[in-house]
């Protein structure tokens, strides 16, 4: 069964990905390559590809994992699962290519694909292509994998549109804001020195503050049991750009202790102090 920590960790990584994309938005190739790389890291896939519409075919434009070396590979829209996903405008999942007649099994075997999940990349009513994640084993993908791929497909769709029109940058920021505000985990953005720049209502609730403004008027150091607890995270970030599922002692507004599971990454900022983007969920074990 998928744990709540796993769900929060994956959503945190998607928020982090959106922030990364904002830093390379002017380079569409870096964007699509980043998305297929994260598709493998954030699901149970062994490979992933962004497939773009080219006439009656879908062509592998960006690849990762076991799809490496297959840029330019063609699959027919009419007889492939990705093509059906585009026509039906929805995510589709195949647990076993040998028993699923919707799949172009011959093409799948060429890439050693045994199961896959694919989501359409759309701009309004226009089909741009599909994002597919696949595995060399059968019965690989679960509902969380499908949900993550759907989120990534939305990000990829926007990235491809921005490549043609940078005004889509505003739409990507809107999606980031929605994920930030509606995340079940507490989400925060702060400077390394400790100034809290942004947070969502979930973080306010976890830490027992009255409002976002109430929390934003504090320094990050005040939220931890002691300065050493935050310094431990900063030290970990010196050797790695991200901290995953760290159990850390916090202190609520009324002084009540709380153990939280925190995921945090360093986000470079042009001409400014680096920022920290992270999520927090209370450890109730």
C-alpha atoms as a PDB file:
ATOM      1  CA  UNK A   1       0.000   0.000   0.000  1.00  0.00           C
ATOM      2  CA  UNK A   2       1.234   3.500  -0.816  1.00  0.00           C
ATOM      3  CA  UNK A   3       2.162   5.444   2.333  1.00  0.00           C
ATOM      4  CA  UNK A   4       1.200   9.054   2.983  1.00  0.00           C
ATOM      5  CA  UNK A   5       4.906   9.898   3.220  1.00  0.00           C
ATOM      6  CA  UNK A   6       5.424   8.486  -0.295  1.00  0.00           C
ATOM      7  CA  UNK A   7       2.540  10.571  -1.643  1.00  0.00           C
ATOM      8  CA  UNK A   8       3.862  13.736  -0.007  1.00  0.00           C
ATOM      9  CA  UNK A   9       7.408  13.029  -1.191  1.00  0.00           C
ATOM     10  CA  UNK A  10       6.305  12.651  -4.808  1.00  0.00           C
ATOM     11  CA  UNK A  11       4.150  15.779  -4.719  1.00  0.00           C
ATOM     12  CA  UNK A  12       7.045  17.696  -3.197  1.00  0.00           C
ATOM     13  CA  UNK A  13       9.278  16.523  -6.024  1.00  0.00           C
ATOM     14  CA  UNK A  14       6.725  17.758  -8.570  1.00  0.00           C
ATOM     15  CA  UNK A  15       6.656  21.183  -6.921  1.00  0.00           C
ATOM     16  CA  UNK A  16      10.454  21.161  -7.060  1.00  0.00           C
ATOM     17  CA  UNK A  17      10.324  20.187 -10.746  1.00  0.00           C
ATOM     18  CA  UNK A  18       8.034  23.096 -11.553  1.00  0.00           C
ATOM     19  CA  UNK A  19      10.464  25.469  -9.871  1.00  0.00           C
ATOM     20  CA  UNK A  20      13.344  23.956 -11.857  1.00  0.00           C
ATOM     21  CA  UNK A  21      11.409  24.385 -15.086  1.00  0.00           C
ATOM     22  CA  UNK A  22      10.901  28.067 -14.351  1.00  0.00           C
ATOM     23  CA  UNK A  23      14.694  28.471 -14.309  1.00  0.00           C
ATOM     24  CA  UNK A  24      15.140  26.866 -17.778  1.00  0.00           C
ATOM     25  CA  UNK A  25      11.879  27.910 -19.412  1.00  0.00           C
ATOM     26  CA  UNK A  26      13.698  29.605 -22.289  1.00  0.00           C
ATOM     27  CA  UNK A  27      15.349  26.311 -23.263  1.00  0.00           C
ATOM     28  CA  UNK A  28      12.555  23.884 -24.312  1.00  0.00           C
ATOM     29  CA  UNK A  29      14.963  20.983 -24.902  1.00  0.00           C
ATOM     30  CA  UNK A  30      16.192  21.144 -21.321  1.00  0.00           C
ATOM     31  CA  UNK A  31      12.578  21.275 -20.152  1.00  0.00           C
ATOM     32  CA  UNK A  32      11.394  18.147 -21.980  1.00  0.00           C
ATOM     33  CA  UNK A  33      14.527  16.194 -21.045  1.00  0.00           C
ATOM     34  CA  UNK A  34      14.026  17.154 -17.417  1.00  0.00           C
ATOM     35  CA  UNK A  35      10.424  15.922 -17.513  1.00  0.00           C
ATOM     36  CA  UNK A  36      11.217  12.466 -18.949  1.00  0.00           C
ATOM     37  CA  UNK A  37      14.052  12.069 -16.447  1.00  0.00           C
ATOM     38  CA  UNK A  38      11.703  12.885 -13.550  1.00  0.00           C
ATOM     39  CA  UNK A  39       9.029  10.561 -14.983  1.00  0.00           C
ATOM     40  CA  UNK A  40      11.374   7.626 -14.340  1.00  0.00           C
ATOM     41  CA  UNK A  41      12.460   8.892 -10.924  1.00  0.00           C
ATOM     42  CA  UNK A  42       8.925   9.590  -9.662  1.00  0.00           C
ATOM     43  CA  UNK A  43       7.178   6.420 -10.891  1.00  0.00           C
ATOM     44  CA  UNK A  44       8.062   2.735 -11.086  1.00  0.00           C
ATOM     45  CA  UNK A  45       9.059   3.150 -14.732  1.00  0.00           C
ATOM     46  CA  UNK A  46      12.307   1.931 -16.272  1.00  0.00           C
ATOM     47  CA  UNK A  47      12.000   4.396 -19.157  1.00  0.00           C
ATOM     48  CA  UNK A  48       9.960   7.340 -20.398  1.00  0.00           C
ATOM     49  CA  UNK A  49       9.428   9.328 -23.575  1.00  0.00           C
ATOM     50  CA  UNK A  50       7.744  12.470 -24.804  1.00  0.00           C
ATOM     51  CA  UNK A  51       6.165  11.576 -28.139  1.00  0.00           C
ATOM     52  CA  UNK A  52       5.231  14.418 -30.484  1.00  0.00           C
ATOM     53  CA  UNK A  53       2.685  14.287 -33.295  1.00  0.00           C
ATOM     54  CA  UNK A  54       4.292  14.071 -36.732  1.00  0.00           C
ATOM     55  CA  UNK A  55       1.759  13.384 -39.462  1.00  0.00           C
ATOM     56  CA  UNK A  56       0.133  10.029 -38.721  1.00  0.00           C
ATOM     57  CA  UNK A  57       2.849   8.987 -36.278  1.00  0.00           C
ATOM     58  CA  UNK A  58       4.121   9.823 -32.837  1.00  0.00           C
ATOM     59  CA  UNK A  59       7.883  10.404 -32.750  1.00  0.00           C
ATOM     60  CA  UNK A  60      10.057  10.017 -29.642  1.00  0.00           C
ATOM     61  CA  UNK A  61      11.375  13.536 -29.055  1.00  0.00           C
ATOM     62  CA  UNK A  62      12.859  13.230 -25.540  1.00  0.00           C
ATOM     63  CA  UNK A  63      13.718   9.960 -23.774  1.00  0.00           C
ATOM     64  CA  UNK A  64      15.178   8.592 -20.546  1.00  0.00           C
ATOM     65  CA  UNK A  65      16.036   5.290 -18.918  1.00  0.00           C
ATOM     66  CA  UNK A  66      15.583   2.223 -21.100  1.00  0.00           C
ATOM     67  CA  UNK A  67      14.376   4.457 -23.946  1.00  0.00           C
ATOM     68  CA  UNK A  68      17.822   6.044 -24.242  1.00  0.00           C
ATOM     69  CA  UNK A  69      19.092   5.856 -27.806  1.00  0.00           C
ATOM     70  CA  UNK A  70      15.609   5.787 -29.329  1.00  0.00           C
ATOM     71  CA  UNK A  71      15.065   9.482 -30.118  1.00  0.00           C
ATOM     72  CA  UNK A  72      13.287   9.573 -33.484  1.00  0.00           C
ATOM     73  CA  UNK A  73      11.522   6.227 -32.964  1.00  0.00           C
ATOM     74  CA  UNK A  74       8.109   6.221 -34.710  1.00  0.00           C
ATOM     75  CA  UNK A  75       4.889   4.601 -33.528  1.00  0.00           C
ATOM     76  CA  UNK A  76       1.563   4.879 -35.386  1.00  0.00           C
ATOM     77  CA  UNK A  77      -1.100   7.069 -33.805  1.00  0.00           C
ATOM     78  CA  UNK A  78      -3.886   4.834 -35.089  1.00  0.00           C
ATOM     79  CA  UNK A  79      -2.724   1.561 -33.502  1.00  0.00           C
ATOM     80  CA  UNK A  80      -0.828   2.639 -30.376  1.00  0.00           C
ATOM     81  CA  UNK A  81      -1.946   3.155 -26.786  1.00  0.00           C
ATOM     82  CA  UNK A  82      -0.534   6.696 -26.822  1.00  0.00           C
ATOM     83  CA  UNK A  83      -2.532   7.438 -29.969  1.00  0.00           C
ATOM     84  CA  UNK A  84      -5.696   6.147 -28.280  1.00  0.00           C
ATOM     85  CA  UNK A  85      -4.881   8.245 -25.217  1.00  0.00           C
ATOM     86  CA  UNK A  86      -4.719  11.317 -27.452  1.00  0.00           C
ATOM     87  CA  UNK A  87      -7.991  10.487 -29.230  1.00  0.00           C
ATOM     88  CA  UNK A  88      -9.829   9.823 -25.973  1.00  0.00           C
ATOM     89  CA  UNK A  89      -8.159  12.774 -24.204  1.00  0.00           C
ATOM     90  CA  UNK A  90      -7.322  10.724 -21.108  1.00  0.00           C
ATOM     91  CA  UNK A  91      -4.603   8.744 -19.360  1.00  0.00           C
ATOM     92  CA  UNK A  92      -4.485   5.034 -20.225  1.00  0.00           C
ATOM     93  CA  UNK A  93      -2.648   2.186 -18.555  1.00  0.00           C
ATOM     94  CA  UNK A  94      -1.565  -1.213 -19.875  1.00  0.00           C
ATOM     95  CA  UNK A  95      -0.500  -3.888 -17.384  1.00  0.00           C
ATOM     96  CA  UNK A  96       0.652  -6.467 -19.947  1.00  0.00           C
ATOM     97  CA  UNK A  97       1.285  -5.785 -23.644  1.00  0.00           C
ATOM     98  CA  UNK A  98       0.726  -9.474 -24.473  1.00  0.00           C
ATOM     99  CA  UNK A  99      -2.918  -9.355 -23.402  1.00  0.00           C
ATOM    100  CA  UNK A 100      -3.875  -5.757 -24.247  1.00  0.00           C
ATOM    101  CA  UNK A 101      -5.101  -5.349 -27.823  1.00  0.00           C
ATOM    102  CA  UNK A 102      -4.905  -1.549 -27.597  1.00  0.00           C
ATOM    103  CA  UNK A 103      -1.102  -1.681 -27.716  1.00  0.00           C
ATOM    104  CA  UNK A 104       1.179  -1.934 -30.743  1.00  0.00           C
ATOM    105  CA  UNK A 105       2.833  -5.018 -29.237  1.00  0.00           C
ATOM    106  CA  UNK A 106       5.424  -5.337 -32.002  1.00  0.00           C
ATOM    107  CA  UNK A 107       6.739  -1.809 -31.439  1.00  0.00           C
ATOM    108  CA  UNK A 108       6.643  -2.319 -27.670  1.00  0.00           C
ATOM    109  CA  UNK A 109       8.738  -5.488 -27.883  1.00  0.00           C
ATOM    110  CA  UNK A 110      11.367  -3.661 -29.923  1.00  0.00           C
ATOM    111  CA  UNK A 111      11.937  -1.447 -26.874  1.00  0.00           C
ATOM    112  CA  UNK A 112      11.495  -4.294 -24.346  1.00  0.00           C
ATOM    113  CA  UNK A 113       8.315  -2.699 -22.999  1.00  0.00           C
ATOM    114  CA  UNK A 114       6.024  -5.026 -21.027  1.00  0.00           C
ATOM    115  CA  UNK A 115       3.715  -2.496 -19.343  1.00  0.00           C
ATOM    116  CA  UNK A 116       3.117   1.230 -19.722  1.00  0.00           C
ATOM    117  CA  UNK A 117       1.061   4.247 -18.792  1.00  0.00           C
ATOM    118  CA  UNK A 118       0.535   7.157 -21.167  1.00  0.00           C
ATOM    119  CA  UNK A 119      -1.132  10.565 -20.977  1.00  0.00           C
ATOM    120  CA  UNK A 120      -1.950  13.013 -23.773  1.00  0.00           C
ATOM    121  CA  UNK A 121      -0.192  16.353 -24.182  1.00  0.00           C
ATOM    122  CA  UNK A 122      -2.858  18.834 -25.211  1.00  0.00           C
ATOM    123  CA  UNK A 123      -3.232  22.529 -25.938  1.00  0.00           C
ATOM    124  CA  UNK A 124      -6.956  23.068 -25.842  1.00  0.00           C
ATOM    125  CA  UNK A 125      -8.319  20.792 -28.563  1.00  0.00           C
ATOM    126  CA  UNK A 126      -4.929  20.443 -30.250  1.00  0.00           C
ATOM    127  CA  UNK A 127      -2.941  17.244 -29.674  1.00  0.00           C
ATOM    128  CA  UNK A 128       0.752  17.954 -29.164  1.00  0.00           C
ATOM    129  CA  UNK A 129       1.727  14.374 -28.381  1.00  0.00           C
ATOM    130  CA  UNK A 130       1.910  12.113 -25.337  1.00  0.00           C
ATOM    131  CA  UNK A 131       4.037  11.427 -22.281  1.00  0.00           C
ATOM    132  CA  UNK A 132       4.621   7.698 -21.773  1.00  0.00           C
ATOM    133  CA  UNK A 133       6.296   5.844 -18.931  1.00  0.00           C
ATOM    134  CA  UNK A 134       7.020   2.158 -19.378  1.00  0.00           C
ATOM    135  CA  UNK A 135       8.599  -0.832 -17.735  1.00  0.00           C
ATOM    136  CA  UNK A 136      10.425  -3.989 -18.742  1.00  0.00           C
ATOM    137  CA  UNK A 137       8.110  -5.894 -16.346  1.00  0.00           C
ATOM    138  CA  UNK A 138       4.366  -6.507 -16.387  1.00  0.00           C
ATOM    139  CA  UNK A 139       1.931  -5.086 -13.809  1.00  0.00           C
ATOM    140  CA  UNK A 140       4.316  -2.314 -12.820  1.00  0.00           C
ATOM    141  CA  UNK A 141       2.182   0.806 -12.435  1.00  0.00           C
ATOM    142  CA  UNK A 142      -0.300   1.658  -9.695  1.00  0.00           C
ATOM    143  CA  UNK A 143      -2.779   4.511  -9.230  1.00  0.00           C
ATOM    144  CA  UNK A 144      -0.166   6.833  -7.690  1.00  0.00           C
ATOM    145  CA  UNK A 145       2.125   6.300 -10.688  1.00  0.00           C
ATOM    146  CA  UNK A 146      -0.775   7.202 -12.977  1.00  0.00           C
ATOM    147  CA  UNK A 147      -1.590  10.324 -10.961  1.00  0.00           C
ATOM    148  CA  UNK A 148       2.042  11.459 -11.014  1.00  0.00           C
ATOM    149  CA  UNK A 149       2.296  10.896 -14.763  1.00  0.00           C
ATOM    150  CA  UNK A 150      -0.907  12.883 -15.285  1.00  0.00           C
ATOM    151  CA  UNK A 151       0.616  15.801 -13.379  1.00  0.00           C
ATOM    152  CA  UNK A 152       3.844  15.512 -15.357  1.00  0.00           C
ATOM    153  CA  UNK A 153       1.887  15.390 -18.618  1.00  0.00           C
ATOM    154  CA  UNK A 154       0.238  18.672 -17.693  1.00  0.00           C
ATOM    155  CA  UNK A 155       3.636  20.214 -17.024  1.00  0.00           C
ATOM    156  CA  UNK A 156       5.033  18.779 -20.271  1.00  0.00           C
ATOM    157  CA  UNK A 157       2.100  20.121 -22.279  1.00  0.00           C
ATOM    158  CA  UNK A 158       2.736  23.609 -20.969  1.00  0.00           C
ATOM    159  CA  UNK A 159       6.461  23.289 -21.650  1.00  0.00           C
ATOM    160  CA  UNK A 160       5.858  22.397 -25.303  1.00  0.00           C
ATOM    161  CA  UNK A 161       3.436  25.281 -25.674  1.00  0.00           C
ATOM    162  CA  UNK A 162       5.909  27.689 -24.054  1.00  0.00           C
ATOM    163  CA  UNK A 163       8.487  26.596 -26.587  1.00  0.00           C
ATOM    164  CA  UNK A 164       6.229  28.166 -29.213  1.00  0.00           C
ATOM    165  CA  UNK A 165       4.944  30.996 -27.080  1.00  0.00           C
ATOM    166  CA  UNK A 166       6.634  32.138 -23.853  1.00  0.00           C
ATOM    167  CA  UNK A 167       3.420  33.748 -22.686  1.00  0.00           C
ATOM    168  CA  UNK A 168       2.437  30.292 -21.409  1.00  0.00           C
ATOM    169  CA  UNK A 169       4.921  30.978 -18.647  1.00  0.00           C
ATOM    170  CA  UNK A 170       2.107  32.632 -16.683  1.00  0.00           C
ATOM    171  CA  UNK A 171      -0.021  29.471 -16.933  1.00  0.00           C
ATOM    172  CA  UNK A 172       2.788  27.365 -15.493  1.00  0.00           C
ATOM    173  CA  UNK A 173       3.096  29.741 -12.530  1.00  0.00           C
ATOM    174  CA  UNK A 174      -0.645  29.408 -11.965  1.00  0.00           C
ATOM    175  CA  UNK A 175      -0.398  25.607 -11.859  1.00  0.00           C
ATOM    176  CA  UNK A 176       2.523  25.860  -9.456  1.00  0.00           C
ATOM    177  CA  UNK A 177       0.492  28.156  -7.212  1.00  0.00           C
ATOM    178  CA  UNK A 178      -2.448  25.763  -7.219  1.00  0.00           C
ATOM    179  CA  UNK A 179      -0.236  22.808  -6.270  1.00  0.00           C
ATOM    180  CA  UNK A 180       1.474  24.944  -3.624  1.00  0.00           C
ATOM    181  CA  UNK A 181      -1.771  26.093  -2.018  1.00  0.00           C
ATOM    182  CA  UNK A 182      -3.718  22.824  -2.260  1.00  0.00           C
ATOM    183  CA  UNK A 183      -0.941  20.479  -1.223  1.00  0.00           C
ATOM    184  CA  UNK A 184      -1.938  18.245   1.699  1.00  0.00           C
ATOM    185  CA  UNK A 185       1.538  18.850   3.091  1.00  0.00           C
ATOM    186  CA  UNK A 186       2.753  22.116   4.495  1.00  0.00           C
ATOM    187  CA  UNK A 187       4.730  23.862   1.745  1.00  0.00           C
ATOM    188  CA  UNK A 188       7.234  26.630   2.353  1.00  0.00           C
ATOM    189  CA  UNK A 189       9.774  28.754   0.552  1.00  0.00           C
ATOM    190  CA  UNK A 190      12.467  30.570   2.496  1.00  0.00           C
ATOM    191  CA  UNK A 191      15.918  32.026   2.190  1.00  0.00           C
ATOM    192  CA  UNK A 192      18.905  30.063   3.454  1.00  0.00           C
ATOM    193  CA  UNK A 193      19.427  32.713   6.122  1.00  0.00           C
ATOM    194  CA  UNK A 194      15.957  32.027   7.515  1.00  0.00           C
ATOM    195  CA  UNK A 195      13.446  34.529   6.118  1.00  0.00           C
ATOM    196  CA  UNK A 196      10.137  32.795   5.296  1.00  0.00           C
ATOM    197  CA  UNK A 197       9.029  34.030   1.874  1.00  0.00           C
ATOM    198  CA  UNK A 198       5.886  31.984   1.319  1.00  0.00           C
ATOM    199  CA  UNK A 199       3.851  29.161   2.842  1.00  0.00           C
ATOM    200  CA  UNK A 200       0.491  27.482   2.425  1.00  0.00           C
ATOM    201  CA  UNK A 201      -2.403  27.073   4.856  1.00  0.00           C
ATOM    202  CA  UNK A 202      -1.444  23.460   5.603  1.00  0.00           C
ATOM    203  CA  UNK A 203       1.885  24.596   7.076  1.00  0.00           C
ATOM    204  CA  UNK A 204       0.087  27.218   9.167  1.00  0.00           C
ATOM    205  CA  UNK A 205      -2.226  24.504  10.541  1.00  0.00           C
ATOM    206  CA  UNK A 206       0.554  22.011  11.252  1.00  0.00           C
ATOM    207  CA  UNK A 207       2.490  24.564  13.274  1.00  0.00           C
ATOM    208  CA  UNK A 208      -0.532  26.046  15.052  1.00  0.00           C
ATOM    209  CA  UNK A 209      -0.264  29.623  13.805  1.00  0.00           C
ATOM    210  CA  UNK A 210      -3.222  31.939  13.318  1.00  0.00           C
ATOM    211  CA  UNK A 211      -2.669  32.841   9.661  1.00  0.00           C
ATOM    212  CA  UNK A 212      -0.109  32.926   6.875  1.00  0.00           C
ATOM    213  CA  UNK A 213       0.815  36.486   7.838  1.00  0.00           C
ATOM    214  CA  UNK A 214       1.369  35.347  11.409  1.00  0.00           C
ATOM    215  CA  UNK A 215       3.794  32.652  10.229  1.00  0.00           C
ATOM    216  CA  UNK A 216       5.480  34.823   7.582  1.00  0.00           C
ATOM    217  CA  UNK A 217       6.416  37.311  10.293  1.00  0.00           C
ATOM    218  CA  UNK A 218       8.558  34.650  11.974  1.00  0.00           C
ATOM    219  CA  UNK A 219      12.048  33.463  11.148  1.00  0.00           C
ATOM    220  CA  UNK A 220      12.549  29.852  10.062  1.00  0.00           C
ATOM    221  CA  UNK A 221      14.796  29.245  13.066  1.00  0.00           C
ATOM    222  CA  UNK A 222      11.851  29.869  15.412  1.00  0.00           C
ATOM    223  CA  UNK A 223       9.902  26.896  13.988  1.00  0.00           C
ATOM    224  CA  UNK A 224      12.467  24.289  15.022  1.00  0.00           C
ATOM    225  CA  UNK A 225      13.076  22.795  18.457  1.00  0.00           C
ATOM    226  CA  UNK A 226      16.506  24.400  18.352  1.00  0.00           C
ATOM    227  CA  UNK A 227      18.859  26.044  15.873  1.00  0.00           C
ATOM    228  CA  UNK A 228      20.800  22.794  15.562  1.00  0.00           C
ATOM    229  CA  UNK A 229      17.754  21.079  14.020  1.00  0.00           C
ATOM    230  CA  UNK A 230      17.620  23.490  11.093  1.00  0.00           C
ATOM    231  CA  UNK A 231      21.393  23.659  10.809  1.00  0.00           C
ATOM    232  CA  UNK A 232      21.422  19.875  10.388  1.00  0.00           C
ATOM    233  CA  UNK A 233      19.261  20.259   7.265  1.00  0.00           C
ATOM    234  CA  UNK A 234      21.420  23.063   5.888  1.00  0.00           C
ATOM    235  CA  UNK A 235      24.535  20.935   6.424  1.00  0.00           C
ATOM    236  CA  UNK A 236      22.907  18.041   4.553  1.00  0.00           C
ATOM    237  CA  UNK A 237      22.105  20.354   1.659  1.00  0.00           C
ATOM    238  CA  UNK A 238      25.772  21.261   1.360  1.00  0.00           C
ATOM    239  CA  UNK A 239      26.565  17.739   0.141  1.00  0.00           C
ATOM    240  CA  UNK A 240      23.324  17.157  -1.764  1.00  0.00           C
ATOM    241  CA  UNK A 241      20.907  19.630  -3.302  1.00  0.00           C
ATOM    242  CA  UNK A 242      17.904  17.905  -1.690  1.00  0.00           C
ATOM    243  CA  UNK A 243      16.880  16.345   1.632  1.00  0.00           C
ATOM    244  CA  UNK A 244      14.343  13.508   1.455  1.00  0.00           C
ATOM    245  CA  UNK A 245      12.005  12.315   4.216  1.00  0.00           C
ATOM    246  CA  UNK A 246      14.087  13.681   7.099  1.00  0.00           C
ATOM    247  CA  UNK A 247      12.509  13.390  10.574  1.00  0.00           C
ATOM    248  CA  UNK A 248      13.059  16.706  12.342  1.00  0.00           C
ATOM    249  CA  UNK A 249      11.923  18.185  15.652  1.00  0.00           C
ATOM    250  CA  UNK A 250       9.739  21.289  15.391  1.00  0.00           C
ATOM    251  CA  UNK A 251       8.020  23.574  17.863  1.00  0.00           C
ATOM    252  CA  UNK A 252       4.455  24.792  17.377  1.00  0.00           C
ATOM    253  CA  UNK A 253       3.453  28.368  18.149  1.00  0.00           C
ATOM    254  CA  UNK A 254       2.250  27.419  21.648  1.00  0.00           C
ATOM    255  CA  UNK A 255       5.525  25.564  22.339  1.00  0.00           C
ATOM    256  CA  UNK A 256       4.149  22.072  21.787  1.00  0.00           C
ATOM    257  CA  UNK A 257       6.829  19.788  20.301  1.00  0.00           C
ATOM    258  CA  UNK A 258       6.174  18.128  16.949  1.00  0.00           C
ATOM    259  CA  UNK A 259       8.141  15.653  14.845  1.00  0.00           C
ATOM    260  CA  UNK A 260       7.787  16.358  11.153  1.00  0.00           C
ATOM    261  CA  UNK A 261       8.866  14.645   7.942  1.00  0.00           C
ATOM    262  CA  UNK A 262      10.521  17.248   5.768  1.00  0.00           C
ATOM    263  CA  UNK A 263      11.568  17.272   2.104  1.00  0.00           C
ATOM    264  CA  UNK A 264      13.619  20.267   1.027  1.00  0.00           C
ATOM    265  CA  UNK A 265      15.652  21.440  -1.961  1.00  0.00           C
ATOM    266  CA  UNK A 266      17.895  24.377  -2.777  1.00  0.00           C
ATOM    267  CA  UNK A 267      16.521  26.546  -5.568  1.00  0.00           C
ATOM    268  CA  UNK A 268      19.090  28.815  -7.227  1.00  0.00           C
ATOM    269  CA  UNK A 269      17.951  32.397  -7.721  1.00  0.00           C
ATOM    270  CA  UNK A 270      19.495  34.650 -10.318  1.00  0.00           C
ATOM    271  CA  UNK A 271      21.196  37.675  -8.723  1.00  0.00           C
ATOM    272  CA  UNK A 272      20.013  36.821  -5.239  1.00  0.00           C
ATOM    273  CA  UNK A 273      20.315  34.576  -2.206  1.00  0.00           C
ATOM    274  CA  UNK A 274      19.534  30.907  -2.846  1.00  0.00           C
ATOM    275  CA  UNK A 275      16.133  29.783  -1.618  1.00  0.00           C
ATOM    276  CA  UNK A 276      14.816  26.637   0.030  1.00  0.00           C
ATOM    277  CA  UNK A 277      11.643  24.975  -1.224  1.00  0.00           C
ATOM    278  CA  UNK A 278      10.181  22.224   0.890  1.00  0.00           C
ATOM    279  CA  UNK A 279       7.248  20.349   2.345  1.00  0.00           C
ATOM    280  CA  UNK A 280       6.422  19.321   5.878  1.00  0.00           C
ATOM    281  CA  UNK A 281       3.979  16.719   7.183  1.00  0.00           C
ATOM    282  CA  UNK A 282       3.542  15.735  10.805  1.00  0.00           C
ATOM    283  CA  UNK A 283       4.899  12.299  11.701  1.00  0.00           C
ATOM    284  CA  UNK A 284       2.031  10.687  13.647  1.00  0.00           C
ATOM    285  CA  UNK A 285       3.733   7.316  14.186  1.00  0.00           C
END
